Amino acid sequence: MCGRYASTKDPGKLAAEFAALDSTGGAAPGADFNVAPTKRVLTVVQRHPEDDAGERDLERTERSIRVMRWGLVPMWAKDKSIGSRMINAKSETVTTKPSFRTSIKRYRCLLPADGWYEWKREGNRKQPFFMTSPDGSSLAMAGIFATWRDPQVEDAEPLVTCSVLTTSAIGQLSEVHDRMPLLLPPTAWDHWLDPDQPDVTDLLAPPSEELVAALELRPVSTTVNNVRNNGAELVERVPLDPQPQAVGLDPGSK
């Protein structure tokens, strides 16, 4: 799964990396080493531009960096609280689940990440790992989005929310957890983001073994466990404890 990740690049850098426009309008969140559900996040979308009258130009598309809220709220939801339970969508069922099937056909995005966190059980404790690209390039997590308006509020402002797709972990990642974000290589971005392409079935399979083998699986401090903690120290490598201490036990206890 993907329940926590790091996103520290500003929208200008992401725009250059993803060949996109910065359309955050000054609303972009700052560098975040501990992105958690319901936070505002940066995404990459590709849509038909609209004129001042709201008419779409179907002859061209624009790729842009947008701000969304992590945790998808379907347009039919009665309230937005459902979003906290919709942070991930399984790639195996995303085309059939009522909450996701419209978005996977029409509203897809990428969520750029420095890397994501996952926890591996080591003895009686869980060791967090940070999965990242050694060269510092962003990982592109496949996502879907939806626009929701509060049905109880007249002329309610739209809330745009998103979910990260997950798939079966492969290669070295399967030693940490059985699920992973669906990572897309640059060669797949055009197809995934194409607003006129409803069928992306061929992109829903786990990523290539080569892509996964190139990732660094970095053990990090349990400080990341608390969502209130934030800072570069969260992604720093720490030595693995060869004999993990049982949770709740004092090191000197028998």
C-alpha atoms as a PDB file:
ATOM      1  CA  MET A   1       0.000   0.000   0.000  1.00  0.00           C
ATOM      2  CA  CYS A   2       1.030   3.626   0.170  1.00  0.00           C
ATOM      3  CA  GLY A   3       0.020   5.506   3.295  1.00  0.00           C
ATOM      4  CA  ARG A   4       2.918   7.908   3.708  1.00  0.00           C
ATOM      5  CA  TYR A   5       5.425   9.496   1.361  1.00  0.00           C
ATOM      6  CA  ALA A   6       7.775  12.442   0.892  1.00  0.00           C
ATOM      7  CA  SER A   7       7.305  15.280  -1.591  1.00  0.00           C
ATOM      8  CA  THR A   8       9.812  18.095  -1.241  1.00  0.00           C
ATOM      9  CA  LYS A   9      10.228  19.601  -4.712  1.00  0.00           C
ATOM     10  CA  ASP A  10       8.533  22.902  -5.474  1.00  0.00           C
ATOM     11  CA  PRO A  11       6.030  23.073  -8.365  1.00  0.00           C
ATOM     12  CA  GLY A  12       8.529  24.851 -10.596  1.00  0.00           C
ATOM     13  CA  LYS A  13      11.001  21.966 -10.388  1.00  0.00           C
ATOM     14  CA  LEU A  14       8.250  19.418 -10.920  1.00  0.00           C
ATOM     15  CA  ALA A  15       6.959  21.364 -13.924  1.00  0.00           C
ATOM     16  CA  ALA A  16      10.397  21.104 -15.522  1.00  0.00           C
ATOM     17  CA  GLU A  17      10.757  17.421 -14.657  1.00  0.00           C
ATOM     18  CA  PHE A  18       7.317  16.473 -16.016  1.00  0.00           C
ATOM     19  CA  ALA A  19       7.258  18.938 -18.940  1.00  0.00           C
ATOM     20  CA  ALA A  20       4.251  20.691 -17.426  1.00  0.00           C
ATOM     21  CA  LEU A  21       2.960  24.126 -16.500  1.00  0.00           C
ATOM     22  CA  ASP A  22       2.820  25.303 -12.906  1.00  0.00           C
ATOM     23  CA  SER A  23      -0.908  25.837 -12.337  1.00  0.00           C
ATOM     24  CA  THR A  24      -0.817  25.849  -8.537  1.00  0.00           C
ATOM     25  CA  GLY A  25      -1.550  29.567  -8.370  1.00  0.00           C
ATOM     26  CA  GLY A  26       0.519  30.052  -5.239  1.00  0.00           C
ATOM     27  CA  ALA A  27      -1.492  27.420  -3.362  1.00  0.00           C
ATOM     28  CA  ALA A  28       1.168  24.715  -3.443  1.00  0.00           C
ATOM     29  CA  PRO A  29       2.046  23.044  -0.147  1.00  0.00           C
ATOM     30  CA  GLY A  30       5.622  23.386   1.029  1.00  0.00           C
ATOM     31  CA  ALA A  31       8.238  20.650   1.198  1.00  0.00           C
ATOM     32  CA  ASP A  32       6.776  17.729   3.122  1.00  0.00           C
ATOM     33  CA  PHE A  33       8.849  14.770   4.328  1.00  0.00           C
ATOM     34  CA  ASN A  34       5.822  13.078   5.897  1.00  0.00           C
ATOM     35  CA  VAL A  35       2.849  13.387   3.560  1.00  0.00           C
ATOM     36  CA  ALA A  36      -0.174  11.773   5.203  1.00  0.00           C
ATOM     37  CA  PRO A  37      -3.779  11.189   4.099  1.00  0.00           C
ATOM     38  CA  THR A  38      -6.045  14.267   3.726  1.00  0.00           C
ATOM     39  CA  LYS A  39      -3.064  16.589   3.205  1.00  0.00           C
ATOM     40  CA  ARG A  40      -2.835  18.816   0.137  1.00  0.00           C
ATOM     41  CA  VAL A  41      -0.503  17.273  -2.450  1.00  0.00           C
ATOM     42  CA  LEU A  42       0.992  18.134  -5.820  1.00  0.00           C
ATOM     43  CA  THR A  43      -0.190  16.194  -8.847  1.00  0.00           C
ATOM     44  CA  VAL A  44       0.362  16.128 -12.603  1.00  0.00           C
ATOM     45  CA  VAL A  45      -2.675  16.193 -14.909  1.00  0.00           C
ATOM     46  CA  GLN A  46      -3.248  16.625 -18.638  1.00  0.00           C
ATOM     47  CA  ARG A  47      -6.514  18.210 -19.701  1.00  0.00           C
ATOM     48  CA  HIS A  48      -8.123  20.105 -22.560  1.00  0.00           C
ATOM     49  CA  PRO A  49      -7.725  23.821 -21.799  1.00  0.00           C
ATOM     50  CA  GLU A  50     -10.843  25.942 -21.370  1.00  0.00           C
ATOM     51  CA  ASP A  51     -11.492  29.491 -22.542  1.00  0.00           C
ATOM     52  CA  ASP A  52     -13.084  32.213 -20.410  1.00  0.00           C
ATOM     53  CA  ALA A  53     -16.530  30.879 -21.266  1.00  0.00           C
ATOM     54  CA  GLY A  54     -15.650  27.402 -20.077  1.00  0.00           C
ATOM     55  CA  GLU A  55     -15.492  25.903 -23.563  1.00  0.00           C
ATOM     56  CA  ARG A  56     -12.867  23.169 -23.927  1.00  0.00           C
ATOM     57  CA  ASP A  57     -10.388  23.178 -26.773  1.00  0.00           C
ATOM     58  CA  LEU A  58     -10.621  19.578 -27.956  1.00  0.00           C
ATOM     59  CA  GLU A  59      -7.780  20.037 -30.423  1.00  0.00           C
ATOM     60  CA  ARG A  60      -5.066  20.223 -27.787  1.00  0.00           C
ATOM     61  CA  THR A  61      -4.184  19.333 -24.215  1.00  0.00           C
ATOM     62  CA  GLU A  62      -2.058  20.943 -21.519  1.00  0.00           C
ATOM     63  CA  ARG A  63      -0.058  19.164 -18.858  1.00  0.00           C
ATOM     64  CA  SER A  64       0.052  20.991 -15.552  1.00  0.00           C
ATOM     65  CA  ILE A  65       0.945  20.748 -11.874  1.00  0.00           C
ATOM     66  CA  ARG A  66      -2.191  20.979  -9.698  1.00  0.00           C
ATOM     67  CA  VAL A  67      -2.974  20.871  -5.992  1.00  0.00           C
ATOM     68  CA  MET A  68      -5.358  18.169  -4.747  1.00  0.00           C
ATOM     69  CA  ARG A  69      -6.344  16.654  -1.411  1.00  0.00           C
ATOM     70  CA  TRP A  70      -5.110  13.109  -0.791  1.00  0.00           C
ATOM     71  CA  GLY A  71      -8.056  10.759  -0.213  1.00  0.00           C
ATOM     72  CA  LEU A  72     -10.537  10.454  -3.062  1.00  0.00           C
ATOM     73  CA  VAL A  73     -14.086  11.682  -2.439  1.00  0.00           C
ATOM     74  CA  PRO A  74     -16.425  10.356  -5.170  1.00  0.00           C
ATOM     75  CA  MET A  75     -18.717  12.950  -6.697  1.00  0.00           C
ATOM     76  CA  TRP A  76     -21.753  11.093  -5.270  1.00  0.00           C
ATOM     77  CA  ALA A  77     -20.484  11.076  -1.659  1.00  0.00           C
ATOM     78  CA  LYS A  78     -22.677  12.730   0.978  1.00  0.00           C
ATOM     79  CA  ASP A  79     -19.688  14.184   2.821  1.00  0.00           C
ATOM     80  CA  LYS A  80     -15.927  14.373   2.387  1.00  0.00           C
ATOM     81  CA  SER A  81     -15.034  12.220   5.403  1.00  0.00           C
ATOM     82  CA  ILE A  82     -15.031   9.138   3.150  1.00  0.00           C
ATOM     83  CA  GLY A  83     -11.806  10.421   1.608  1.00  0.00           C
ATOM     84  CA  SER A  84      -9.653   9.353   4.563  1.00  0.00           C
ATOM     85  CA  ARG A  85     -10.483   5.736   3.696  1.00  0.00           C
ATOM     86  CA  MET A  86      -9.883   6.150  -0.058  1.00  0.00           C
ATOM     87  CA  ILE A  87      -6.190   6.996  -0.194  1.00  0.00           C
ATOM     88  CA  ASN A  88      -5.371   3.878  -2.244  1.00  0.00           C
ATOM     89  CA  ALA A  89      -7.114   2.098  -5.115  1.00  0.00           C
ATOM     90  CA  LYS A  90      -6.101  -1.447  -6.046  1.00  0.00           C
ATOM     91  CA  SER A  91      -5.048  -1.650  -9.697  1.00  0.00           C
ATOM     92  CA  GLU A  92      -6.641  -5.098  -9.896  1.00  0.00           C
ATOM     93  CA  THR A  93     -10.153  -3.769  -9.108  1.00  0.00           C
ATOM     94  CA  VAL A  94     -10.004  -0.050  -9.921  1.00  0.00           C
ATOM     95  CA  THR A  95     -11.943  -0.495 -13.181  1.00  0.00           C
ATOM     96  CA  THR A  96     -14.903  -2.166 -11.434  1.00  0.00           C
ATOM     97  CA  LYS A  97     -15.206  -0.529  -8.013  1.00  0.00           C
ATOM     98  CA  PRO A  98     -18.040   2.060  -8.056  1.00  0.00           C
ATOM     99  CA  SER A  99     -15.891   4.587  -6.185  1.00  0.00           C
ATOM    100  CA  PHE A 100     -13.103   4.471  -8.774  1.00  0.00           C
ATOM    101  CA  ARG A 101     -14.365   3.207 -12.135  1.00  0.00           C
ATOM    102  CA  THR A 102     -15.326   6.630 -13.504  1.00  0.00           C
ATOM    103  CA  SER A 103     -12.052   8.218 -12.463  1.00  0.00           C
ATOM    104  CA  ILE A 104      -9.861   5.505 -13.995  1.00  0.00           C
ATOM    105  CA  LYS A 105     -11.540   6.108 -17.351  1.00  0.00           C
ATOM    106  CA  ARG A 106     -11.621   9.902 -17.354  1.00  0.00           C
ATOM    107  CA  TYR A 107      -9.633  11.435 -14.491  1.00  0.00           C
ATOM    108  CA  ARG A 108      -6.107  10.128 -14.101  1.00  0.00           C
ATOM    109  CA  CYS A 109      -3.092  11.872 -12.642  1.00  0.00           C
ATOM    110  CA  LEU A 110       0.445  11.295 -11.407  1.00  0.00           C
ATOM    111  CA  LEU A 111       1.597  11.977  -7.866  1.00  0.00           C
ATOM    112  CA  PRO A 112       5.308  12.893  -7.877  1.00  0.00           C
ATOM    113  CA  ALA A 113       7.204  11.649  -4.833  1.00  0.00           C
ATOM    114  CA  ASP A 114      10.776  11.717  -3.566  1.00  0.00           C
ATOM    115  CA  GLY A 115       9.924   8.271  -2.258  1.00  0.00           C
ATOM    116  CA  TRP A 116       7.443   6.442  -0.060  1.00  0.00           C
ATOM    117  CA  TYR A 117       7.570   4.775   3.333  1.00  0.00           C
ATOM    118  CA  GLU A 118       6.715   1.210   4.158  1.00  0.00           C
ATOM    119  CA  TRP A 119       7.037  -0.765   7.376  1.00  0.00           C
ATOM    120  CA  LYS A 120       8.583  -4.234   7.652  1.00  0.00           C
ATOM    121  CA  ARG A 121       7.996  -6.388  10.696  1.00  0.00           C
ATOM    122  CA  GLU A 122      11.331  -7.178  12.331  1.00  0.00           C
ATOM    123  CA  GLY A 123      10.816  -9.384  15.340  1.00  0.00           C
ATOM    124  CA  ASN A 124       8.401  -7.581  17.658  1.00  0.00           C
ATOM    125  CA  ARG A 125       8.672  -4.206  15.996  1.00  0.00           C
ATOM    126  CA  LYS A 126       8.195  -2.624  12.609  1.00  0.00           C
ATOM    127  CA  GLN A 127      11.151  -1.101  10.808  1.00  0.00           C
ATOM    128  CA  PRO A 128      10.305   1.781   8.443  1.00  0.00           C
ATOM    129  CA  PHE A 129      11.965   1.890   5.042  1.00  0.00           C
ATOM    130  CA  PHE A 130      12.105   4.748   2.547  1.00  0.00           C
ATOM    131  CA  MET A 131      11.876   3.621  -1.074  1.00  0.00           C
ATOM    132  CA  THR A 132      13.503   6.192  -3.339  1.00  0.00           C
ATOM    133  CA  SER A 133      15.441   6.765  -6.541  1.00  0.00           C
ATOM    134  CA  PRO A 134      19.213   6.991  -5.915  1.00  0.00           C
ATOM    135  CA  ASP A 135      19.638   9.703  -8.550  1.00  0.00           C
ATOM    136  CA  GLY A 136      17.089  12.035  -6.920  1.00  0.00           C
ATOM    137  CA  SER A 137      14.560  11.892  -9.746  1.00  0.00           C
ATOM    138  CA  SER A 138      10.898  11.852  -8.783  1.00  0.00           C
ATOM    139  CA  LEU A 139       8.926   8.655  -8.644  1.00  0.00           C
ATOM    140  CA  ALA A 140       5.662   8.932 -10.586  1.00  0.00           C
ATOM    141  CA  MET A 141       2.888   7.194  -8.667  1.00  0.00           C
ATOM    142  CA  ALA A 142      -0.191   6.480 -10.773  1.00  0.00           C
ATOM    143  CA  GLY A 143      -3.268   8.210  -9.433  1.00  0.00           C
ATOM    144  CA  ILE A 144      -6.894   9.008 -10.115  1.00  0.00           C
ATOM    145  CA  PHE A 145      -8.907  12.042  -9.071  1.00  0.00           C
ATOM    146  CA  ALA A 146     -12.453  13.289  -8.656  1.00  0.00           C
ATOM    147  CA  THR A 147     -14.203  16.604  -8.063  1.00  0.00           C
ATOM    148  CA  TRP A 148     -16.724  16.820  -5.212  1.00  0.00           C
ATOM    149  CA  ARG A 149     -19.113  19.555  -4.132  1.00  0.00           C
ATOM    150  CA  ASP A 150     -20.879  19.528  -0.784  1.00  0.00           C
ATOM    151  CA  PRO A 151     -24.546  18.723  -1.561  1.00  0.00           C
ATOM    152  CA  GLN A 152     -25.594  20.544   1.616  1.00  0.00           C
ATOM    153  CA  VAL A 153     -24.063  23.852   0.508  1.00  0.00           C
ATOM    154  CA  GLU A 154     -25.480  25.979  -2.282  1.00  0.00           C
ATOM    155  CA  ASP A 155     -22.820  26.964  -4.828  1.00  0.00           C
ATOM    156  CA  ALA A 156     -20.255  24.936  -2.901  1.00  0.00           C
ATOM    157  CA  GLU A 157     -16.606  25.278  -3.887  1.00  0.00           C
ATOM    158  CA  PRO A 158     -15.241  22.209  -5.688  1.00  0.00           C
ATOM    159  CA  LEU A 159     -12.929  19.908  -3.755  1.00  0.00           C
ATOM    160  CA  VAL A 160     -10.517  17.987  -5.975  1.00  0.00           C
ATOM    161  CA  THR A 161      -9.222  14.808  -4.364  1.00  0.00           C
ATOM    162  CA  CYS A 162      -7.021  11.929  -5.450  1.00  0.00           C
ATOM    163  CA  SER A 163      -6.030   8.351  -4.711  1.00  0.00           C
ATOM    164  CA  VAL A 164      -2.793   6.429  -5.311  1.00  0.00           C
ATOM    165  CA  LEU A 165      -3.058   3.172  -7.234  1.00  0.00           C
ATOM    166  CA  THR A 166      -1.364   0.164  -5.673  1.00  0.00           C
ATOM    167  CA  THR A 167      -0.266  -3.182  -7.067  1.00  0.00           C
ATOM    168  CA  SER A 168       1.466  -6.368  -5.955  1.00  0.00           C
ATOM    169  CA  ALA A 169       4.998  -5.739  -4.744  1.00  0.00           C
ATOM    170  CA  ILE A 170       7.718  -7.395  -6.803  1.00  0.00           C
ATOM    171  CA  GLY A 171      11.439  -7.998  -6.485  1.00  0.00           C
ATOM    172  CA  GLN A 172      13.180  -6.578  -3.454  1.00  0.00           C
ATOM    173  CA  LEU A 173      10.071  -4.637  -2.416  1.00  0.00           C
ATOM    174  CA  SER A 174       8.185  -7.847  -1.656  1.00  0.00           C
ATOM    175  CA  GLU A 175      10.586  -8.398   1.240  1.00  0.00           C
ATOM    176  CA  VAL A 176       9.196  -5.295   2.928  1.00  0.00           C
ATOM    177  CA  HIS A 177       5.469  -5.397   2.082  1.00  0.00           C
ATOM    178  CA  ASP A 178       3.148  -7.264  -0.261  1.00  0.00           C
ATOM    179  CA  ARG A 179       1.815  -4.064  -1.870  1.00  0.00           C
ATOM    180  CA  MET A 180       3.458  -1.060  -3.505  1.00  0.00           C
ATOM    181  CA  PRO A 181       2.406   2.089  -5.367  1.00  0.00           C
ATOM    182  CA  LEU A 182       1.885   1.590  -9.088  1.00  0.00           C
ATOM    183  CA  LEU A 183       4.990   3.344 -10.430  1.00  0.00           C
ATOM    184  CA  LEU A 184       4.984   4.524 -14.023  1.00  0.00           C
ATOM    185  CA  PRO A 185       8.135   5.141 -16.075  1.00  0.00           C
ATOM    186  CA  PRO A 186       8.363   8.315 -18.199  1.00  0.00           C
ATOM    187  CA  THR A 187       7.514   6.296 -21.324  1.00  0.00           C
ATOM    188  CA  ALA A 188       4.045   5.633 -19.886  1.00  0.00           C
ATOM    189  CA  TRP A 189       3.166   9.166 -18.764  1.00  0.00           C
ATOM    190  CA  ASP A 190       1.619  10.314 -22.052  1.00  0.00           C
ATOM    191  CA  HIS A 191      -0.697   7.318 -22.276  1.00  0.00           C
ATOM    192  CA  TRP A 192      -1.702   7.450 -18.610  1.00  0.00           C
ATOM    193  CA  LEU A 193      -2.478  11.175 -18.635  1.00  0.00           C
ATOM    194  CA  ASP A 194      -4.250  11.258 -22.011  1.00  0.00           C
ATOM    195  CA  PRO A 195      -7.784  12.546 -21.233  1.00  0.00           C
ATOM    196  CA  ASP A 196      -9.124  11.046 -24.472  1.00  0.00           C
ATOM    197  CA  GLN A 197      -7.924   7.518 -23.698  1.00  0.00           C
ATOM    198  CA  PRO A 198     -10.427   5.653 -21.464  1.00  0.00           C
ATOM    199  CA  ASP A 199      -8.623   2.306 -21.536  1.00  0.00           C
ATOM    200  CA  VAL A 200      -5.320   2.051 -19.674  1.00  0.00           C
ATOM    201  CA  THR A 201      -5.572  -1.638 -18.814  1.00  0.00           C
ATOM    202  CA  ASP A 202      -2.097  -2.283 -20.197  1.00  0.00           C
ATOM    203  CA  LEU A 203      -0.618   0.083 -17.592  1.00  0.00           C
ATOM    204  CA  LEU A 204      -2.272  -1.506 -14.554  1.00  0.00           C
ATOM    205  CA  ALA A 205       0.218  -4.370 -14.231  1.00  0.00           C
ATOM    206  CA  PRO A 206       3.122  -4.178 -11.748  1.00  0.00           C
ATOM    207  CA  PRO A 207       6.120  -2.162 -12.963  1.00  0.00           C
ATOM    208  CA  SER A 208       9.111  -3.776 -14.579  1.00  0.00           C
ATOM    209  CA  GLU A 209      11.659  -5.651 -12.502  1.00  0.00           C
ATOM    210  CA  GLU A 210      14.308  -3.245 -13.815  1.00  0.00           C
ATOM    211  CA  LEU A 211      12.470  -0.212 -12.429  1.00  0.00           C
ATOM    212  CA  VAL A 212      12.076  -1.824  -9.009  1.00  0.00           C
ATOM    213  CA  ALA A 213      15.654  -3.156  -8.902  1.00  0.00           C
ATOM    214  CA  ALA A 214      16.942   0.402  -9.400  1.00  0.00           C
ATOM    215  CA  LEU A 215      15.232   1.668  -6.239  1.00  0.00           C
ATOM    216  CA  GLU A 216      17.051   2.198  -2.963  1.00  0.00           C
ATOM    217  CA  LEU A 217      15.377   0.583   0.062  1.00  0.00           C
ATOM    218  CA  ARG A 218      16.656   2.774   2.866  1.00  0.00           C
ATOM    219  CA  PRO A 219      16.044   1.960   6.550  1.00  0.00           C
ATOM    220  CA  VAL A 220      15.001   5.123   8.382  1.00  0.00           C
ATOM    221  CA  SER A 221      14.182   6.195  11.913  1.00  0.00           C
ATOM    222  CA  THR A 222      10.882   5.316  13.596  1.00  0.00           C
ATOM    223  CA  THR A 223      10.496   9.079  14.041  1.00  0.00           C
ATOM    224  CA  VAL A 224       8.505   8.930  10.787  1.00  0.00           C
ATOM    225  CA  ASN A 225       5.838   6.885  12.579  1.00  0.00           C
ATOM    226  CA  ASN A 226       4.382  10.082  14.050  1.00  0.00           C
ATOM    227  CA  VAL A 227       2.674  12.155  11.349  1.00  0.00           C
ATOM    228  CA  ARG A 228       3.455  15.329  13.322  1.00  0.00           C
ATOM    229  CA  ASN A 229       7.170  14.843  12.714  1.00  0.00           C
ATOM    230  CA  ASN A 230       8.545  16.452   9.586  1.00  0.00           C
ATOM    231  CA  GLY A 231      12.012  17.240   8.339  1.00  0.00           C
ATOM    232  CA  ALA A 232      14.921  15.954   6.265  1.00  0.00           C
ATOM    233  CA  GLU A 233      16.037  13.710   9.118  1.00  0.00           C
ATOM    234  CA  LEU A 234      13.062  11.435   8.392  1.00  0.00           C
ATOM    235  CA  VAL A 235      14.642  10.185   5.158  1.00  0.00           C
ATOM    236  CA  GLU A 236      18.178   9.770   6.479  1.00  0.00           C
ATOM    237  CA  ARG A 237      19.565   6.249   6.542  1.00  0.00           C
ATOM    238  CA  VAL A 238      19.901   4.585   9.935  1.00  0.00           C
ATOM    239  CA  PRO A 239      21.703   1.330  10.780  1.00  0.00           C
ATOM    240  CA  LEU A 240      19.478  -1.698  11.052  1.00  0.00           C
ATOM    241  CA  ASP A 241      19.169  -3.142  14.541  1.00  0.00           C
ATOM    242  CA  PRO A 242      20.323  -6.780  14.241  1.00  0.00           C
ATOM    243  CA  GLN A 243      18.169  -7.680  17.263  1.00  0.00           C
ATOM    244  CA  PRO A 244      15.103  -5.407  17.196  1.00  0.00           C
ATOM    245  CA  GLN A 245      13.876  -4.414  20.645  1.00  0.00           C
ATOM    246  CA  ALA A 246      10.375  -5.582  21.524  1.00  0.00           C
ATOM    247  CA  VAL A 247       7.865  -2.751  21.637  1.00  0.00           C
ATOM    248  CA  GLY A 248       7.151  -1.513  25.158  1.00  0.00           C
ATOM    249  CA  LEU A 249      10.118  -3.239  26.839  1.00  0.00           C
ATOM    250  CA  ASP A 250      12.877  -1.386  28.618  1.00  0.00           C
ATOM    251  CA  PRO A 251      16.299  -2.466  27.233  1.00  0.00           C
ATOM    252  CA  GLY A 252      17.338  -3.553  30.734  1.00  0.00           C
ATOM    253  CA  SER A 253      14.238  -5.580  31.539  1.00  0.00           C
ATOM    254  CA  LYS A 254      14.274  -9.371  31.745  1.00  0.00           C
END
